[in-house]
Amino acid sequence: MPCCSNKKPRVRLARKALFSAIPTWNDNDRCPVGTQRLLQWRFYKNKALVFQTPFAAPEDALAIGTGSTYLHLNATNAQITAYLISQGVVLSNSDTVCVEVQIKNCQNESARSNKICFAAEVAESDCTCEFATAFDSGQTGNTATPPLGYAANGGQLVFSNGLMNPEGEDFSAMPLDTGDNLAWVTLDENCDATIEMEEVTGQTGTVEVPAAFTGLPASDYLVFRNGAAQRTFSVSAGNLTPNGPASESTDLWHFVRLQSADSCKLSRLTISASGTGTTFMLPAGYSAANQAKWLLFVNELLQYPTLNYTVAGNQITPAQAAAEDQIWVVVIH
């Protein structure tokens, strides 16, 4: 008998936007209780499917809202909106978001619930902080020297050829040569915030999130693996699972966030998860007019203005055409 042939699962909307999947496992108890009976949450923007979770067991934790599981999505409309934005979905308050759940049993028989829809609730930010950046090339030796006029304010990140250097301006481990392109990223002088970075080493498989970061949504901090920026990853029960090869003991992981009295945050917004072509549109609200609010990345590397891309209005033109590349921005808001 097919799964749920008599009654489909339901998504129930209650006050405070509590969504509950009520599955009916009509499989004659052929599947044992646990992970062989699985659920998946699916999210739509203006009727188009834009994101779906992996399948997981009903009791598994879901990183949306407070105490959510794959059986119960306990989150407000604003929290669901923020979660989708953190996954690279571009949303504005004029968009409609719909949620449904799909269930399947051990024989891969499946059914979907009805959809529950609501107006996206994009949080307005009072953050006035911006990035201050500087770029240089032609340097050699063990130390990078920032250009005249640049001053680190509240910490900084230093990049060489797009890779973040955990030692900042110290390049003793890999001395610079004249072909290296350097970048400094700090906060503007009027910003009341600090860039905080913590290192984690010796991790295999998953990566333990530093204690200072465990109370934050994964959307509110950056992660670098051996200097390479990570566009997507998942965090559950204080452990980060890479979206790619499992962590090896020799990997260096760095977690970066803002500490701010104005509640300023860093977020990752996807432009194209597998882009091909010569021009791309920035996420809504970002353009050449507020370029100090965002940093462009292609795959795992920071991109340098003029050298790697140009921007006109809200359109990005990479210096090299994209060929199935991940194109994304880190924004400060």
C-alpha atoms as a PDB file:
ATOM      1  CA  MET A   1       0.000   0.000   0.000  1.00  0.00           C
ATOM      2  CA  PRO A   2       1.562   3.354  -0.902  1.00  0.00           C
ATOM      3  CA  CYS A   3       2.679   5.662   1.870  1.00  0.00           C
ATOM      4  CA  CYS A   4      -0.065   7.933   3.089  1.00  0.00           C
ATOM      5  CA  SER A   5      -2.521   6.793   0.442  1.00  0.00           C
ATOM      6  CA  ASN A   6      -5.561   7.503   2.630  1.00  0.00           C
ATOM      7  CA  LYS A   7      -4.530  10.776   4.169  1.00  0.00           C
ATOM      8  CA  LYS A   8      -1.786  13.185   3.269  1.00  0.00           C
ATOM      9  CA  PRO A   9       0.399  14.803   5.946  1.00  0.00           C
ATOM     10  CA  ARG A  10      -0.796  18.190   7.091  1.00  0.00           C
ATOM     11  CA  VAL A  11       1.059  21.373   7.926  1.00  0.00           C
ATOM     12  CA  ARG A  12      -0.771  23.229  10.689  1.00  0.00           C
ATOM     13  CA  LEU A  13      -0.350  26.968  11.141  1.00  0.00           C
ATOM     14  CA  ALA A  14      -1.017  28.253  14.624  1.00  0.00           C
ATOM     15  CA  ARG A  15      -0.247  31.533  16.370  1.00  0.00           C
ATOM     16  CA  LYS A  16       3.421  32.540  16.366  1.00  0.00           C
ATOM     17  CA  ALA A  17       3.831  30.614  13.103  1.00  0.00           C
ATOM     18  CA  LEU A  18       4.122  27.112  14.546  1.00  0.00           C
ATOM     19  CA  PHE A  19       4.187  24.643  11.666  1.00  0.00           C
ATOM     20  CA  SER A  20       3.628  20.978  12.443  1.00  0.00           C
ATOM     21  CA  ALA A  21       3.939  18.059  10.090  1.00  0.00           C
ATOM     22  CA  ILE A  22       1.364  15.400  11.028  1.00  0.00           C
ATOM     23  CA  PRO A  23       2.391  12.353   8.999  1.00  0.00           C
ATOM     24  CA  THR A  24       0.216   9.292   8.597  1.00  0.00           C
ATOM     25  CA  TRP A  25       2.528   6.337   8.033  1.00  0.00           C
ATOM     26  CA  ASN A  26       0.209   4.021   6.119  1.00  0.00           C
ATOM     27  CA  ASP A  27       2.788   1.311   5.423  1.00  0.00           C
ATOM     28  CA  ASN A  28       1.419  -1.570   7.522  1.00  0.00           C
ATOM     29  CA  ASP A  29       4.283  -1.024   9.965  1.00  0.00           C
ATOM     30  CA  ARG A  30       6.777  -2.438   7.532  1.00  0.00           C
ATOM     31  CA  CYS A  31       9.240   0.319   8.449  1.00  0.00           C
ATOM     32  CA  PRO A  32      10.837   0.466  11.903  1.00  0.00           C
ATOM     33  CA  VAL A  33      10.503   3.645  13.904  1.00  0.00           C
ATOM     34  CA  GLY A  34      13.365   6.073  13.300  1.00  0.00           C
ATOM     35  CA  THR A  35      15.407   7.254  10.400  1.00  0.00           C
ATOM     36  CA  GLN A  36      13.742   5.014   7.806  1.00  0.00           C
ATOM     37  CA  ARG A  37      10.666   7.222   8.071  1.00  0.00           C
ATOM     38  CA  LEU A  38      11.865  10.608   6.883  1.00  0.00           C
ATOM     39  CA  LEU A  39      10.638  14.165   6.408  1.00  0.00           C
ATOM     40  CA  GLN A  40      11.790  17.077   4.281  1.00  0.00           C
ATOM     41  CA  TRP A  41      10.781  20.747   4.532  1.00  0.00           C
ATOM     42  CA  ARG A  42      10.261  22.581   1.223  1.00  0.00           C
ATOM     43  CA  PHE A  43      10.114  26.364   0.762  1.00  0.00           C
ATOM     44  CA  TYR A  44       8.613  28.355  -2.114  1.00  0.00           C
ATOM     45  CA  LYS A  45       9.036  31.972  -3.193  1.00  0.00           C
ATOM     46  CA  ASN A  46       6.154  33.304  -5.271  1.00  0.00           C
ATOM     47  CA  LYS A  47       5.112  29.714  -6.110  1.00  0.00           C
ATOM     48  CA  ALA A  48       8.619  28.633  -7.206  1.00  0.00           C
ATOM     49  CA  LEU A  49      10.547  26.069  -5.137  1.00  0.00           C
ATOM     50  CA  VAL A  50      13.680  27.851  -3.892  1.00  0.00           C
ATOM     51  CA  PHE A  51      15.026  25.686  -1.058  1.00  0.00           C
ATOM     52  CA  GLN A  52      14.534  22.266   0.486  1.00  0.00           C
ATOM     53  CA  THR A  53      16.176  20.581   3.444  1.00  0.00           C
ATOM     54  CA  PRO A  54      17.685  17.116   3.275  1.00  0.00           C
ATOM     55  CA  PHE A  55      15.420  14.275   4.395  1.00  0.00           C
ATOM     56  CA  ALA A  56      15.805  13.540   8.103  1.00  0.00           C
ATOM     57  CA  ALA A  57      14.131  11.684  10.945  1.00  0.00           C
ATOM     58  CA  PRO A  58      11.146  13.355  12.666  1.00  0.00           C
ATOM     59  CA  GLU A  59      13.071  13.993  15.901  1.00  0.00           C
ATOM     60  CA  ASP A  60      16.148  15.490  14.206  1.00  0.00           C
ATOM     61  CA  ALA A  61      16.832  19.153  14.979  1.00  0.00           C
ATOM     62  CA  LEU A  62      16.001  21.789  12.372  1.00  0.00           C
ATOM     63  CA  ALA A  63      18.032  25.014  12.560  1.00  0.00           C
ATOM     64  CA  ILE A  64      15.091  27.403  12.223  1.00  0.00           C
ATOM     65  CA  GLY A  65      13.497  29.166  15.160  1.00  0.00           C
ATOM     66  CA  THR A  66      13.670  27.669  18.647  1.00  0.00           C
ATOM     67  CA  GLY A  67      13.499  23.934  19.314  1.00  0.00           C
ATOM     68  CA  SER A  68      12.387  23.078  15.794  1.00  0.00           C
ATOM     69  CA  THR A  69      12.559  19.507  14.544  1.00  0.00           C
ATOM     70  CA  TYR A  70      11.670  17.916  11.252  1.00  0.00           C
ATOM     71  CA  LEU A  71       8.269  17.154  12.786  1.00  0.00           C
ATOM     72  CA  HIS A  72       7.629  20.610  14.278  1.00  0.00           C
ATOM     73  CA  LEU A  73       8.809  23.901  12.744  1.00  0.00           C
ATOM     74  CA  ASN A  74       8.585  26.341  15.643  1.00  0.00           C
ATOM     75  CA  ALA A  75       9.440  29.649  13.992  1.00  0.00           C
ATOM     76  CA  THR A  76       7.938  33.033  13.259  1.00  0.00           C
ATOM     77  CA  ASN A  77       7.441  34.264   9.722  1.00  0.00           C
ATOM     78  CA  ALA A  78      10.403  36.605  10.237  1.00  0.00           C
ATOM     79  CA  GLN A  79      12.622  33.722  11.407  1.00  0.00           C
ATOM     80  CA  ILE A  80      11.697  31.611   8.386  1.00  0.00           C
ATOM     81  CA  THR A  81      12.387  34.575   6.119  1.00  0.00           C
ATOM     82  CA  ALA A  82      15.789  35.147   7.761  1.00  0.00           C
ATOM     83  CA  TYR A  83      16.647  31.446   7.451  1.00  0.00           C
ATOM     84  CA  LEU A  84      15.905  31.430   3.721  1.00  0.00           C
ATOM     85  CA  ILE A  85      17.999  34.583   3.236  1.00  0.00           C
ATOM     86  CA  SER A  86      20.877  32.867   5.078  1.00  0.00           C
ATOM     87  CA  GLN A  87      20.582  29.995   2.585  1.00  0.00           C
ATOM     88  CA  GLY A  88      21.049  32.394  -0.315  1.00  0.00           C
ATOM     89  CA  VAL A  89      17.386  33.026  -1.189  1.00  0.00           C
ATOM     90  CA  VAL A  90      16.844  36.672  -2.137  1.00  0.00           C
ATOM     91  CA  LEU A  91      13.640  37.951  -0.520  1.00  0.00           C
ATOM     92  CA  SER A  92      11.843  41.254  -0.115  1.00  0.00           C
ATOM     93  CA  ASN A  93       8.716  42.159   1.805  1.00  0.00           C
ATOM     94  CA  SER A  94       6.698  42.004  -1.423  1.00  0.00           C
ATOM     95  CA  ASP A  95       7.410  38.261  -1.826  1.00  0.00           C
ATOM     96  CA  THR A  96       5.167  35.396  -0.737  1.00  0.00           C
ATOM     97  CA  VAL A  97       6.765  32.438   1.043  1.00  0.00           C
ATOM     98  CA  CYS A  98       5.086  29.042   1.160  1.00  0.00           C
ATOM     99  CA  VAL A  99       6.070  26.029   3.275  1.00  0.00           C
ATOM    100  CA  GLU A 100       5.217  22.364   2.850  1.00  0.00           C
ATOM    101  CA  VAL A 101       6.546  19.084   4.168  1.00  0.00           C
ATOM    102  CA  GLN A 102       7.246  15.899   2.238  1.00  0.00           C
ATOM    103  CA  ILE A 103       7.394  12.496   3.915  1.00  0.00           C
ATOM    104  CA  LYS A 104       8.636   9.135   2.726  1.00  0.00           C
ATOM    105  CA  ASN A 105       8.931   5.656   4.180  1.00  0.00           C
ATOM    106  CA  CYS A 106      11.602   2.980   3.931  1.00  0.00           C
ATOM    107  CA  GLN A 107      10.259   1.869   0.548  1.00  0.00           C
ATOM    108  CA  ASN A 108      10.690   5.403  -0.850  1.00  0.00           C
ATOM    109  CA  GLU A 109       6.922   5.924  -1.051  1.00  0.00           C
ATOM    110  CA  SER A 110       6.137   9.591  -0.424  1.00  0.00           C
ATOM    111  CA  ALA A 111       3.465  12.254  -0.062  1.00  0.00           C
ATOM    112  CA  ARG A 112       3.379  16.022   0.447  1.00  0.00           C
ATOM    113  CA  SER A 113       1.336  18.238   2.700  1.00  0.00           C
ATOM    114  CA  ASN A 114      -0.749  21.232   1.799  1.00  0.00           C
ATOM    115  CA  LYS A 115       1.178  24.530   1.581  1.00  0.00           C
ATOM    116  CA  ILE A 116       1.004  27.279   4.172  1.00  0.00           C
ATOM    117  CA  CYS A 117       1.845  30.751   2.797  1.00  0.00           C
ATOM    118  CA  PHE A 118       2.695  34.118   4.307  1.00  0.00           C
ATOM    119  CA  ALA A 119       4.213  37.454   3.299  1.00  0.00           C
ATOM    120  CA  ALA A 120       7.996  37.545   3.695  1.00  0.00           C
ATOM    121  CA  GLU A 121       9.144  39.590   6.682  1.00  0.00           C
ATOM    122  CA  VAL A 122      12.588  40.986   5.898  1.00  0.00           C
ATOM    123  CA  ALA A 123      14.104  42.631   8.940  1.00  0.00           C
ATOM    124  CA  GLU A 124      15.040  46.271   8.567  1.00  0.00           C
ATOM    125  CA  SER A 125      18.540  46.969   9.849  1.00  0.00           C
ATOM    126  CA  ASP A 126      19.665  49.972  11.871  1.00  0.00           C
ATOM    127  CA  CYS A 127      23.295  49.084  11.224  1.00  0.00           C
ATOM    128  CA  THR A 128      25.300  51.967   9.795  1.00  0.00           C
ATOM    129  CA  CYS A 129      28.639  50.109   9.696  1.00  0.00           C
ATOM    130  CA  GLU A 130      30.434  49.612   6.392  1.00  0.00           C
ATOM    131  CA  PHE A 131      33.543  47.797   5.174  1.00  0.00           C
ATOM    132  CA  ALA A 132      36.747  49.739   4.591  1.00  0.00           C
ATOM    133  CA  THR A 133      39.037  48.002   2.101  1.00  0.00           C
ATOM    134  CA  ALA A 134      42.476  48.491   0.604  1.00  0.00           C
ATOM    135  CA  PHE A 135      44.303  46.646  -2.171  1.00  0.00           C
ATOM    136  CA  ASP A 136      47.936  46.353  -3.226  1.00  0.00           C
ATOM    137  CA  SER A 137      50.374  44.177  -5.153  1.00  0.00           C
ATOM    138  CA  GLY A 138      54.081  43.900  -5.873  1.00  0.00           C
ATOM    139  CA  GLN A 139      55.113  43.288  -2.265  1.00  0.00           C
ATOM    140  CA  THR A 140      57.733  40.730  -1.234  1.00  0.00           C
ATOM    141  CA  GLY A 141      58.965  39.251   2.016  1.00  0.00           C
ATOM    142  CA  ASN A 142      57.371  38.103   5.255  1.00  0.00           C
ATOM    143  CA  THR A 143      55.195  41.122   6.033  1.00  0.00           C
ATOM    144  CA  ALA A 144      52.383  42.799   4.129  1.00  0.00           C
ATOM    145  CA  THR A 145      52.296  46.570   4.425  1.00  0.00           C
ATOM    146  CA  PRO A 146      48.924  48.263   3.880  1.00  0.00           C
ATOM    147  CA  PRO A 147      48.727  51.254   1.531  1.00  0.00           C
ATOM    148  CA  LEU A 148      49.038  54.772   2.920  1.00  0.00           C
ATOM    149  CA  GLY A 149      45.806  56.035   4.431  1.00  0.00           C
ATOM    150  CA  TYR A 150      44.535  52.607   5.461  1.00  0.00           C
ATOM    151  CA  ALA A 151      43.993  52.019   9.185  1.00  0.00           C
ATOM    152  CA  ALA A 152      42.564  48.905  10.814  1.00  0.00           C
ATOM    153  CA  ASN A 153      39.501  49.734  12.873  1.00  0.00           C
ATOM    154  CA  GLY A 154      38.165  47.056  15.196  1.00  0.00           C
ATOM    155  CA  GLY A 155      40.234  44.233  13.713  1.00  0.00           C
ATOM    156  CA  GLN A 156      40.834  43.204  10.125  1.00  0.00           C
ATOM    157  CA  LEU A 157      41.034  40.359   7.634  1.00  0.00           C
ATOM    158  CA  VAL A 158      43.986  40.142   5.251  1.00  0.00           C
ATOM    159  CA  PHE A 159      43.781  38.256   1.953  1.00  0.00           C
ATOM    160  CA  SER A 160      46.382  37.119  -0.570  1.00  0.00           C
ATOM    161  CA  ASN A 161      45.079  36.176  -4.014  1.00  0.00           C
ATOM    162  CA  GLY A 162      41.587  35.890  -2.530  1.00  0.00           C
ATOM    163  CA  LEU A 163      42.521  33.534   0.332  1.00  0.00           C
ATOM    164  CA  MET A 164      42.230  34.819   3.898  1.00  0.00           C
ATOM    165  CA  ASN A 165      45.581  34.794   5.735  1.00  0.00           C
ATOM    166  CA  PRO A 166      44.898  33.776   9.382  1.00  0.00           C
ATOM    167  CA  GLU A 167      48.138  35.445  10.511  1.00  0.00           C
ATOM    168  CA  GLY A 168      47.005  38.812   9.209  1.00  0.00           C
ATOM    169  CA  GLU A 169      49.955  40.791   7.819  1.00  0.00           C
ATOM    170  CA  ASP A 170      52.479  38.114   8.828  1.00  0.00           C
ATOM    171  CA  PHE A 171      53.370  35.968   5.805  1.00  0.00           C
ATOM    172  CA  SER A 172      56.369  34.194   7.334  1.00  0.00           C
ATOM    173  CA  ALA A 173      54.818  30.786   6.592  1.00  0.00           C
ATOM    174  CA  MET A 174      54.506  31.626   2.890  1.00  0.00           C
ATOM    175  CA  PRO A 175      56.520  34.725   1.934  1.00  0.00           C
ATOM    176  CA  LEU A 176      55.047  37.119  -0.590  1.00  0.00           C
ATOM    177  CA  ASP A 177      56.294  37.589  -4.137  1.00  0.00           C
ATOM    178  CA  THR A 178      55.606  40.405  -6.554  1.00  0.00           C
ATOM    179  CA  GLY A 179      52.751  38.575  -8.282  1.00  0.00           C
ATOM    180  CA  ASP A 180      50.586  38.320  -5.152  1.00  0.00           C
ATOM    181  CA  ASN A 181      47.495  40.511  -4.934  1.00  0.00           C
ATOM    182  CA  LEU A 182      46.728  41.658  -1.397  1.00  0.00           C
ATOM    183  CA  ALA A 183      43.538  42.922   0.223  1.00  0.00           C
ATOM    184  CA  TRP A 184      42.784  44.360   3.638  1.00  0.00           C
ATOM    185  CA  VAL A 185      39.235  44.356   4.988  1.00  0.00           C
ATOM    186  CA  THR A 186      38.326  46.285   8.126  1.00  0.00           C
ATOM    187  CA  LEU A 187      35.396  48.428   9.349  1.00  0.00           C
ATOM    188  CA  ASP A 188      34.916  52.108   8.633  1.00  0.00           C
ATOM    189  CA  GLU A 189      36.083  54.527  11.294  1.00  0.00           C
ATOM    190  CA  ASN A 190      32.539  55.433  12.359  1.00  0.00           C
ATOM    191  CA  CYS A 191      31.583  51.816  13.027  1.00  0.00           C
ATOM    192  CA  ASP A 192      31.152  50.772  16.664  1.00  0.00           C
ATOM    193  CA  ALA A 193      31.951  47.107  16.047  1.00  0.00           C
ATOM    194  CA  THR A 194      34.842  44.664  16.184  1.00  0.00           C
ATOM    195  CA  ILE A 195      35.819  41.814  13.874  1.00  0.00           C
ATOM    196  CA  GLU A 196      36.304  38.704  16.025  1.00  0.00           C
ATOM    197  CA  MET A 197      38.031  35.580  14.694  1.00  0.00           C
ATOM    198  CA  GLU A 198      38.608  32.211  16.386  1.00  0.00           C
ATOM    199  CA  GLU A 199      40.611  29.231  15.119  1.00  0.00           C
ATOM    200  CA  VAL A 200      39.701  25.539  15.398  1.00  0.00           C
ATOM    201  CA  THR A 201      42.199  22.804  14.498  1.00  0.00           C
ATOM    202  CA  GLY A 202      42.574  19.036  14.687  1.00  0.00           C
ATOM    203  CA  GLN A 203      38.953  18.283  13.724  1.00  0.00           C
ATOM    204  CA  THR A 204      37.960  15.268  11.653  1.00  0.00           C
ATOM    205  CA  GLY A 205      34.566  14.790  10.037  1.00  0.00           C
ATOM    206  CA  THR A 206      32.558  17.639  11.560  1.00  0.00           C
ATOM    207  CA  VAL A 207      33.974  20.762  13.212  1.00  0.00           C
ATOM    208  CA  GLU A 208      33.163  21.925  16.738  1.00  0.00           C
ATOM    209  CA  VAL A 209      31.882  25.492  16.664  1.00  0.00           C
ATOM    210  CA  PRO A 210      33.745  27.791  19.134  1.00  0.00           C
ATOM    211  CA  ALA A 211      31.810  28.507  22.318  1.00  0.00           C
ATOM    212  CA  ALA A 212      31.515  32.228  21.500  1.00  0.00           C
ATOM    213  CA  PHE A 213      29.679  31.329  18.280  1.00  0.00           C
ATOM    214  CA  THR A 214      27.363  28.550  19.438  1.00  0.00           C
ATOM    215  CA  GLY A 215      24.569  30.905  20.461  1.00  0.00           C
ATOM    216  CA  LEU A 216      24.502  32.604  17.050  1.00  0.00           C
ATOM    217  CA  PRO A 217      22.538  31.572  13.968  1.00  0.00           C
ATOM    218  CA  ALA A 218      24.940  30.134  11.403  1.00  0.00           C
ATOM    219  CA  SER A 219      23.813  32.929   9.069  1.00  0.00           C
ATOM    220  CA  ASP A 220      25.487  35.532  11.303  1.00  0.00           C
ATOM    221  CA  TYR A 221      29.133  34.515  10.906  1.00  0.00           C
ATOM    222  CA  LEU A 222      31.702  33.562   8.280  1.00  0.00           C
ATOM    223  CA  VAL A 223      33.732  30.362   8.077  1.00  0.00           C
ATOM    224  CA  PHE A 224      37.086  29.871   6.371  1.00  0.00           C
ATOM    225  CA  ARG A 225      38.750  26.512   5.724  1.00  0.00           C
ATOM    226  CA  ASN A 226      42.491  26.849   5.169  1.00  0.00           C
ATOM    227  CA  GLY A 227      41.794  30.442   4.156  1.00  0.00           C
ATOM    228  CA  ALA A 228      39.071  29.517   1.661  1.00  0.00           C
ATOM    229  CA  ALA A 229      35.678  31.130   2.343  1.00  0.00           C
ATOM    230  CA  GLN A 230      32.819  28.662   2.816  1.00  0.00           C
ATOM    231  CA  ARG A 231      29.584  29.707   1.105  1.00  0.00           C
ATOM    232  CA  THR A 232      27.380  26.975   2.594  1.00  0.00           C
ATOM    233  CA  PHE A 233      27.584  24.694   5.598  1.00  0.00           C
ATOM    234  CA  SER A 234      25.206  23.334   8.201  1.00  0.00           C
ATOM    235  CA  VAL A 235      25.372  23.537  11.984  1.00  0.00           C
ATOM    236  CA  SER A 236      23.606  21.207  14.405  1.00  0.00           C
ATOM    237  CA  ALA A 237      24.171  20.662  18.126  1.00  0.00           C
ATOM    238  CA  GLY A 238      27.276  22.857  18.070  1.00  0.00           C
ATOM    239  CA  ASN A 239      28.972  21.024  15.215  1.00  0.00           C
ATOM    240  CA  LEU A 240      29.567  22.294  11.688  1.00  0.00           C
ATOM    241  CA  THR A 241      29.178  19.894   8.769  1.00  0.00           C
ATOM    242  CA  PRO A 242      31.079  21.096   5.679  1.00  0.00           C
ATOM    243  CA  ASN A 243      29.279  21.262   2.366  1.00  0.00           C
ATOM    244  CA  GLY A 244      32.010  19.219   0.749  1.00  0.00           C
ATOM    245  CA  PRO A 245      34.812  16.929   1.946  1.00  0.00           C
ATOM    246  CA  ALA A 246      34.803  16.082   5.637  1.00  0.00           C
ATOM    247  CA  SER A 247      37.248  17.970   7.811  1.00  0.00           C
ATOM    248  CA  GLU A 248      40.739  16.507   8.120  1.00  0.00           C
ATOM    249  CA  SER A 249      42.909  16.878  11.200  1.00  0.00           C
ATOM    250  CA  THR A 250      45.338  19.142   9.328  1.00  0.00           C
ATOM    251  CA  ASP A 251      42.636  21.638   8.315  1.00  0.00           C
ATOM    252  CA  LEU A 252      42.598  25.098   9.859  1.00  0.00           C
ATOM    253  CA  TRP A 253      39.078  26.440  10.442  1.00  0.00           C
ATOM    254  CA  HIS A 254      38.421  30.093  11.257  1.00  0.00           C
ATOM    255  CA  PHE A 255      35.123  31.553  12.448  1.00  0.00           C
ATOM    256  CA  VAL A 256      34.533  35.290  11.959  1.00  0.00           C
ATOM    257  CA  ARG A 257      31.747  37.484  13.330  1.00  0.00           C
ATOM    258  CA  LEU A 258      31.012  41.060  14.317  1.00  0.00           C
ATOM    259  CA  GLN A 259      30.710  42.193  17.895  1.00  0.00           C
ATOM    260  CA  SER A 260      28.590  45.303  17.678  1.00  0.00           C
ATOM    261  CA  ALA A 261      26.617  47.591  19.938  1.00  0.00           C
ATOM    262  CA  ASP A 262      24.406  48.331  16.928  1.00  0.00           C
ATOM    263  CA  SER A 263      23.635  44.634  16.334  1.00  0.00           C
ATOM    264  CA  CYS A 264      25.452  44.689  12.984  1.00  0.00           C
ATOM    265  CA  LYS A 265      25.890  41.251  11.439  1.00  0.00           C
ATOM    266  CA  LEU A 266      27.627  39.519   8.557  1.00  0.00           C
ATOM    267  CA  SER A 267      25.525  37.429   6.178  1.00  0.00           C
ATOM    268  CA  ARG A 268      26.168  35.310   3.092  1.00  0.00           C
ATOM    269  CA  LEU A 269      23.845  35.965   0.131  1.00  0.00           C
ATOM    270  CA  THR A 270      23.951  33.842  -3.001  1.00  0.00           C
ATOM    271  CA  ILE A 271      23.910  35.484  -6.421  1.00  0.00           C
ATOM    272  CA  SER A 272      24.285  32.260  -8.389  1.00  0.00           C
ATOM    273  CA  ALA A 273      24.988  28.834  -6.923  1.00  0.00           C
ATOM    274  CA  SER A 274      26.291  27.576 -10.285  1.00  0.00           C
ATOM    275  CA  GLY A 275      26.531  30.618 -12.517  1.00  0.00           C
ATOM    276  CA  THR A 276      27.537  30.618 -16.163  1.00  0.00           C
ATOM    277  CA  GLY A 277      27.895  33.844 -18.115  1.00  0.00           C
ATOM    278  CA  THR A 278      29.353  37.338 -18.075  1.00  0.00           C
ATOM    279  CA  THR A 279      26.943  39.432 -15.978  1.00  0.00           C
ATOM    280  CA  PHE A 280      25.042  38.849 -12.742  1.00  0.00           C
ATOM    281  CA  MET A 281      22.570  40.828 -10.662  1.00  0.00           C
ATOM    282  CA  LEU A 282      23.373  41.679  -7.057  1.00  0.00           C
ATOM    283  CA  PRO A 283      20.825  40.734  -4.368  1.00  0.00           C
ATOM    284  CA  ALA A 284      18.001  43.187  -3.774  1.00  0.00           C
ATOM    285  CA  GLY A 285      19.162  46.262  -1.864  1.00  0.00           C
ATOM    286  CA  TYR A 286      22.819  46.068  -2.960  1.00  0.00           C
ATOM    287  CA  SER A 287      24.461  47.965  -5.804  1.00  0.00           C
ATOM    288  CA  ALA A 288      27.424  50.130  -6.780  1.00  0.00           C
ATOM    289  CA  ALA A 289      25.830  52.884  -4.689  1.00  0.00           C
ATOM    290  CA  ASN A 290      26.474  50.983  -1.430  1.00  0.00           C
ATOM    291  CA  GLN A 291      29.532  48.945  -2.390  1.00  0.00           C
ATOM    292  CA  ALA A 292      30.993  49.429   1.087  1.00  0.00           C
ATOM    293  CA  LYS A 293      28.163  47.211   2.384  1.00  0.00           C
ATOM    294  CA  TRP A 294      29.256  44.059   0.525  1.00  0.00           C
ATOM    295  CA  LEU A 295      32.218  41.935  -0.560  1.00  0.00           C
ATOM    296  CA  LEU A 296      32.097  39.738  -3.656  1.00  0.00           C
ATOM    297  CA  PHE A 297      33.282  36.111  -3.657  1.00  0.00           C
ATOM    298  CA  VAL A 298      33.545  33.601  -6.486  1.00  0.00           C
ATOM    299  CA  ASN A 299      33.693  30.028  -5.209  1.00  0.00           C
ATOM    300  CA  GLU A 300      36.040  30.302  -2.186  1.00  0.00           C
ATOM    301  CA  LEU A 301      37.973  33.439  -3.136  1.00  0.00           C
ATOM    302  CA  LEU A 302      37.460  37.126  -2.361  1.00  0.00           C
ATOM    303  CA  GLN A 303      37.214  39.193  -5.543  1.00  0.00           C
ATOM    304  CA  TYR A 304      39.045  42.502  -5.929  1.00  0.00           C
ATOM    305  CA  PRO A 305      37.313  45.488  -7.598  1.00  0.00           C
ATOM    306  CA  THR A 306      38.635  46.374 -11.049  1.00  0.00           C
ATOM    307  CA  LEU A 307      41.067  43.456 -11.012  1.00  0.00           C
ATOM    308  CA  ASN A 308      38.409  40.731 -10.737  1.00  0.00           C
ATOM    309  CA  TYR A 309      35.121  42.507 -11.495  1.00  0.00           C
ATOM    310  CA  THR A 310      33.360  45.745 -12.292  1.00  0.00           C
ATOM    311  CA  VAL A 311      29.979  46.902 -11.015  1.00  0.00           C
ATOM    312  CA  ALA A 312      27.445  49.251 -12.575  1.00  0.00           C
ATOM    313  CA  GLY A 313      24.135  49.800 -10.829  1.00  0.00           C
ATOM    314  CA  ASN A 314      23.176  46.397  -9.430  1.00  0.00           C
ATOM    315  CA  GLN A 315      24.992  44.436 -12.155  1.00  0.00           C
ATOM    316  CA  ILE A 316      28.303  42.618 -11.608  1.00  0.00           C
ATOM    317  CA  THR A 317      30.604  41.815 -14.537  1.00  0.00           C
ATOM    318  CA  PRO A 318      33.409  39.369 -13.624  1.00  0.00           C
ATOM    319  CA  ALA A 319      36.727  39.862 -15.401  1.00  0.00           C
ATOM    320  CA  GLN A 320      36.556  36.179 -16.334  1.00  0.00           C
ATOM    321  CA  ALA A 321      33.263  34.693 -17.478  1.00  0.00           C
ATOM    322  CA  ALA A 322      31.704  32.348 -14.949  1.00  0.00           C
ATOM    323  CA  ALA A 323      31.548  28.659 -15.812  1.00  0.00           C
ATOM    324  CA  GLU A 324      29.381  26.856 -13.237  1.00  0.00           C
ATOM    325  CA  ASP A 325      30.915  29.038 -10.496  1.00  0.00           C
ATOM    326  CA  GLN A 326      29.402  29.887  -7.144  1.00  0.00           C
ATOM    327  CA  ILE A 327      28.970  33.668  -6.989  1.00  0.00           C
ATOM    328  CA  TRP A 328      27.994  35.250  -3.687  1.00  0.00           C
ATOM    329  CA  VAL A 329      28.409  38.252  -1.437  1.00  0.00           C
ATOM    330  CA  VAL A 330      29.151  38.816   2.231  1.00  0.00           C
ATOM    331  CA  VAL A 331      27.061  41.755   3.418  1.00  0.00           C
ATOM    332  CA  ILE A 332      27.170  43.837   6.564  1.00  0.00           C
ATOM    333  CA  HIS A 333      23.733  44.779   7.898  1.00  0.00           C
END
